[in-house]
């Protein structure tokens, strides 16, 4: 028996009124970006759909598969490859990751990598795009609903992005993103179940496309919010990023955040020696074995132990 789920976003007028009254800790007034918030003209989400049956079928498998590859487009692509240069990839792998990243629809990888570099360099200051000291909601999604802090813009313009501009695959995605994104994120995931096994449009659209996209978004945002608030800090007890197993599970290894902020260049983003709770590392290692990924950067055991003794 199918279950009906109703998702309603609060009335946009009430949201606008409440958000205007909200003040961040820096006492700087928030300026809403209504094209990213709940204005009905741009982003009012009022979805009524039916969740697929409990048994595993083609539609379930497709949805999970799209969640996996779009997630890897963020973790192995935008994050570990392009933002941190934690490893290098030959053009076939970069092309695959660009497509996976486009399915995720979290902005072009060029912009994602730029903002993430700013986040690490100016972590939890006004220059941090999703500054966790401004609260859980702000670091999770609020930063996307309001205009960037002037310091975020200023520091972003000062970042060296020459390596990103030198990647033709990355620049192709950036140039044609508003054409590629609707095709890979929404059109193809909707058309496959409709034509492959005669799925109804409403189910194909709201499950394989919309539900999968929204779920993946929130998993990524949990790295910015939950992993900056909940968990242990064995590597540096003086910073907010923490080791969060739950986030690591859903985000394919991105929840080991205390380690990652201390050693951001490590392609594993964790000290774990195996693939438990780190699917992204398994993905990169597979392509390293066939020669498509190379120059994988790692932190030595000696450096880790010295840092733990000093700040852990």
Foldseek 3Di string as FASTA:
>chain_A
DWDKDWDFDPDPVVVVVVQQPDAFPVRDGWAFDVLQDCDVVHDGDTDIAIDDDPDDDPLNVLLVVLLVLLLLLVQVNLAQCQQQVLWDFDPVVNLSSQLSVLLLPPAQSLVSSLLVNQCLVVPQDLLNLQRQSRDQVSLQCVSRGTDRRPNVVVVSVVDDNVVQVPDPSSVVCNVCVVPSNCVRQAVVQQVCCCPVPNDDSRCSRVRSHVVSNVVSSRLVSCLRRVQQADADQQQAPVGRGHQDLVSLQSSQHSSRGNQCSVPVSQSQSDPDPDRVSHNSVVVLVVCVVVPRMGPRDHDDPVVRVVSSVVGD
